[in-house]
Protein backbone atom coordinates (compact mmCIF):
# COMPACT_ATOMS: atom_id res chain seq x y z
CA UNK A 1 106.57 98.86 84.81
CA UNK A 2 107.80 101.90 86.69
CA UNK A 3 105.29 104.30 88.21
CA UNK A 4 106.93 107.08 86.22
CA UNK A 5 105.92 105.21 83.06
CA UNK A 6 102.26 105.81 83.89
CA UNK A 7 102.31 109.52 84.71
CA UNK A 8 102.30 112.78 82.79
CA UNK A 9 104.78 115.60 83.29
CA UNK A 10 102.33 118.27 84.48
CA UNK A 11 101.08 116.81 87.72
CA UNK A 12 98.58 118.49 90.00
CA UNK A 13 98.94 118.15 93.76
CA UNK A 14 96.39 115.33 93.77
CA UNK A 15 98.21 113.52 90.99
CA UNK A 16 101.51 113.98 92.82
CA UNK A 17 99.99 112.50 95.98
CA UNK A 18 98.47 109.63 94.03
CA UNK A 19 101.74 108.86 92.24
CA UNK A 20 103.53 108.89 95.60
CA UNK A 21 100.99 106.49 97.10
CA UNK A 22 101.02 104.12 94.11
CA UNK A 23 104.82 104.11 93.98
CA UNK A 24 104.87 102.91 97.59
CA UNK A 25 102.01 100.47 97.06
CA UNK A 26 103.17 98.59 93.97
CA UNK A 27 106.26 96.97 95.55
CA UNK A 28 104.10 95.69 98.42
CA UNK A 29 101.44 94.38 96.05
CA UNK A 30 104.05 92.72 93.83
CA UNK A 31 105.60 91.03 96.87
CA UNK A 32 102.43 89.66 98.44
CA UNK A 33 100.70 88.72 95.19
CA UNK A 34 104.01 87.19 94.05
CA UNK A 35 104.14 88.88 90.65
CA UNK A 36 107.16 88.79 88.36
CA UNK A 37 105.90 91.66 86.22
CA UNK A 38 102.94 93.98 85.85
CA UNK A 39 100.27 94.32 83.21
CA UNK A 40 99.47 97.65 81.62
CA UNK A 41 97.46 99.81 84.04
CA UNK A 42 94.98 102.39 82.75
CA UNK A 43 93.62 104.90 85.26
CA UNK A 44 90.16 106.20 84.39
CA UNK A 45 87.56 108.55 85.82
CA UNK A 46 85.06 105.66 85.66
CA UNK A 47 85.37 102.09 84.44
CA UNK A 48 82.63 101.00 82.10
CA UNK A 49 81.41 97.42 82.06
CA UNK A 50 78.49 95.82 80.27
CA UNK A 51 78.14 93.19 83.01
CA UNK A 52 77.72 95.26 86.18
CA UNK A 53 78.91 98.52 87.75
CA UNK A 54 82.56 98.24 88.73
CA UNK A 55 85.58 100.19 89.93
CA UNK A 56 88.05 98.02 88.06
CA UNK A 57 88.47 95.24 85.58
CA UNK A 58 91.19 93.05 84.13
CA UNK A 59 91.01 92.52 80.38
CA UNK A 60 92.83 89.28 79.65
CA UNK A 61 92.85 89.86 75.89
CA UNK A 62 94.60 93.22 76.37
CA UNK A 63 96.78 92.28 79.36
CA UNK A 64 95.44 95.49 80.87
CA UNK A 65 93.91 96.60 84.17
CA UNK A 66 91.39 99.45 84.20
CA UNK A 67 90.97 101.22 87.53
CA UNK A 68 88.56 104.05 88.39
CA UNK A 69 90.12 106.80 90.49
CA UNK A 70 87.83 109.81 90.72
CA UNK A 71 85.73 110.49 93.83
CA UNK A 72 87.37 107.61 95.69
CA UNK A 73 89.69 107.41 98.66
CA UNK A 74 93.23 106.46 97.53
CA UNK A 75 93.14 103.30 99.67
CA UNK A 76 89.93 102.21 97.97
CA UNK A 77 91.63 102.72 94.59
CA UNK A 78 94.58 100.65 95.80
CA UNK A 79 92.31 97.85 97.00
CA UNK A 80 90.75 97.73 93.54
CA UNK A 81 94.22 97.72 91.98
CA UNK A 82 95.30 94.83 94.22
CA UNK A 83 92.11 92.90 93.42
CA UNK A 84 92.68 93.29 89.68
CA UNK A 85 96.37 92.39 90.04
CA UNK A 86 95.24 89.13 91.65
CA UNK A 87 93.10 88.46 88.59
CA UNK A 88 96.17 89.13 86.45
CA UNK A 89 98.11 86.55 88.50
CA UNK A 90 95.21 84.10 88.21
CA UNK A 91 95.35 84.55 84.45
CA UNK A 92 99.09 83.81 84.40
CA UNK A 93 98.31 80.63 86.35
CA UNK A 94 95.55 79.71 83.85
CA UNK A 95 92.86 79.80 86.54
CA UNK A 96 90.43 82.16 84.79
CA UNK A 97 87.31 80.84 83.08
CA UNK A 98 84.23 82.51 81.63
CA UNK A 99 82.55 82.36 85.07
CA UNK A 100 85.54 83.43 87.18
CA UNK A 101 84.14 86.92 87.74
CA UNK A 102 80.79 85.70 89.02
CA UNK A 103 79.86 87.02 92.44
CA UNK A 104 80.85 84.47 95.07
CA UNK A 105 83.07 82.39 92.78
CA UNK A 106 86.26 80.95 94.27
CA UNK A 107 88.34 83.09 91.89
CA UNK A 108 86.51 86.30 92.82
CA UNK A 109 86.68 85.51 96.53
CA UNK A 110 90.41 84.78 96.28
CA UNK A 111 90.93 88.21 94.67
CA UNK A 112 88.97 89.87 97.49
CA UNK A 113 90.92 88.03 100.19
CA UNK A 114 94.40 88.64 98.79
CA UNK A 115 93.60 92.32 98.08
CA UNK A 116 92.60 92.66 101.74
CA UNK A 117 95.88 91.11 102.87
CA UNK A 118 97.87 93.45 100.64
CA UNK A 119 95.98 96.44 102.00
CA UNK A 120 96.66 95.44 105.61
CA UNK A 121 100.41 95.27 104.89
CA UNK A 122 100.32 98.61 103.06
CA UNK A 123 98.29 100.38 105.76
CA UNK A 124 100.57 99.05 108.49
CA UNK A 125 103.64 100.41 106.70
CA UNK A 126 102.04 103.68 105.52
CA UNK A 127 99.22 104.57 107.95
CA UNK A 128 99.47 108.24 107.01
CA UNK A 129 97.67 107.58 103.73
CA UNK A 130 94.53 106.57 105.60
CA UNK A 131 94.12 110.29 106.37
CA UNK A 132 94.12 111.23 102.67
CA UNK A 133 91.11 112.88 101.12
CA UNK A 134 89.18 111.36 98.22
CA UNK A 135 90.68 111.93 94.79
CA UNK A 136 88.69 114.22 92.54
CA UNK A 137 89.77 114.41 88.92
CA UNK A 138 87.75 116.20 86.28
CA UNK A 139 89.68 114.49 83.51
CA UNK A 140 92.65 112.20 83.09
CA UNK A 141 95.00 111.58 80.27
CA UNK A 142 95.43 107.92 79.37
CA UNK A 143 98.60 108.08 81.47
CA UNK A 144 97.91 109.39 84.96
């Protein structure tokens, strides 16, 4: 998936910045998570979950990641994206079970750890994005 496949034509300055950041982030995430392809990514104001409050979730049945973006620092959004991409990889490797998302599970802890590693590589290469301001979107199309 190309970053341009997930954006709209009329981009605000914040959307332009976010697209720029994500376009630099995805190759790093793909490399360190060792992905051959990407699932569908849906950017949302908030991610709704019946289980617990969350900033992101991977829906195995849909092969889709949902990531909340509004009122969050771009690096926090990227960490969530990396975490959910790890779950996607775990799914490809048939590691996910009904309890994989439980707090403290080996699967959940692996996603936290690898997302942290990805973020360290990204921040080392692009430290300027640490100075970004939180993203504030009033609404998003299905394709950010």
